[in-house]
């Protein structure tokens, strides 16, 4: 349920062993130009709203996501 990692207040509470806090890694990723896309139907199904997500998270439907992934040189999905 990767979607829940995009919710406000979640990343701050995840500190992987031997790694920086997940929030720091996500912040660094986004500062370097990384994009955080969240499945629109997934948040709707869970009755979440864009305002529930961290700053910089963008909503994207499957067809648009698929097109973007096909044109990308690298992607991380979970």
Protein backbone atom coordinates (compact mmCIF):
# COMPACT_ATOMS: atom_id res chain seq x y z
CA UNK A 1 0.00 0.00 0.00
CA UNK A 2 2.52 2.54 -1.18
CA UNK A 3 -0.27 5.09 -1.42
CA UNK A 4 -0.27 5.50 2.34
CA UNK A 5 3.38 6.61 2.25
CA UNK A 6 2.18 9.72 0.39
CA UNK A 7 -0.16 10.70 3.23
CA UNK A 8 0.86 13.61 5.44
CA UNK A 9 2.50 12.54 8.70
CA UNK A 10 3.47 9.01 7.65
CA UNK A 11 7.01 9.42 6.29
CA UNK A 12 8.20 11.10 9.48
CA UNK A 13 7.55 7.88 11.38
CA UNK A 14 9.48 5.51 9.13
CA UNK A 15 13.20 5.19 9.81
CA UNK A 16 14.77 2.21 8.03
CA UNK A 17 17.62 0.50 9.88
CA UNK A 18 20.95 1.88 8.73
CA UNK A 19 19.34 4.50 6.48
CA UNK A 20 18.22 8.11 6.83
CA UNK A 21 14.56 8.72 7.72
CA UNK A 22 12.27 7.98 4.79
CA UNK A 23 10.99 11.57 4.80
CA UNK A 24 14.53 12.84 4.24
CA UNK A 25 15.06 10.42 1.35
CA UNK A 26 11.75 11.40 -0.29
CA UNK A 27 12.49 15.11 0.20
CA UNK A 28 15.95 14.66 -1.35
CA UNK A 29 14.46 12.69 -4.25
CA UNK A 30 11.93 15.43 -4.99
CA UNK A 31 14.53 18.21 -4.63
CA UNK A 32 16.59 16.44 -7.29
CA UNK A 33 13.62 16.57 -9.68
CA UNK A 34 11.94 13.28 -8.80
CA UNK A 35 8.18 13.05 -9.17
CA UNK A 36 5.80 11.46 -6.70
CA UNK A 37 2.70 10.31 -8.54
CA UNK A 38 -0.29 8.93 -6.69
CA UNK A 39 -3.02 6.83 -8.33
CA UNK A 40 -6.21 8.90 -8.55
CA UNK A 41 -8.62 5.93 -8.39
CA UNK A 42 -6.68 4.55 -5.39
CA UNK A 43 -7.16 7.67 -3.27
CA UNK A 44 -10.79 7.98 -4.33
CA UNK A 45 -11.48 4.37 -3.32
CA UNK A 46 -9.97 5.07 0.10
CA UNK A 47 -11.90 8.36 0.40
CA UNK A 48 -8.73 10.43 0.53
CA UNK A 49 -8.19 13.81 -1.09
CA UNK A 50 -5.18 15.56 -2.60
CA UNK A 51 -5.09 17.73 0.53
CA UNK A 52 -4.35 14.54 2.55
CA UNK A 53 -1.11 14.01 0.62
CA UNK A 54 2.36 15.41 1.19
CA UNK A 55 3.42 18.54 -0.65
CA UNK A 56 4.61 17.75 -4.15
CA UNK A 57 2.53 14.60 -4.60
CA UNK A 58 0.58 14.69 -7.86
CA UNK A 59 -2.47 12.67 -8.80
CA UNK A 60 -2.32 10.58 -11.94
CA UNK A 61 -4.70 8.10 -13.55
CA UNK A 62 -3.45 4.79 -14.95
CA UNK A 63 -3.43 5.70 -18.65
CA UNK A 64 -1.40 8.86 -18.05
CA UNK A 65 0.93 7.02 -15.67
CA UNK A 66 1.51 4.24 -18.19
CA UNK A 67 2.35 6.76 -20.92
CA UNK A 68 4.75 8.63 -18.62
CA UNK A 69 6.46 5.40 -17.54
CA UNK A 70 6.91 4.29 -21.14
CA UNK A 71 8.63 7.60 -21.95
CA UNK A 72 10.78 7.57 -18.79
CA UNK A 73 14.36 6.41 -18.54
CA UNK A 74 13.83 5.18 -14.95
CA UNK A 75 10.95 4.57 -12.55
CA UNK A 76 10.32 3.18 -9.08
CA UNK A 77 6.87 1.76 -8.45
CA UNK A 78 5.48 -0.01 -5.39
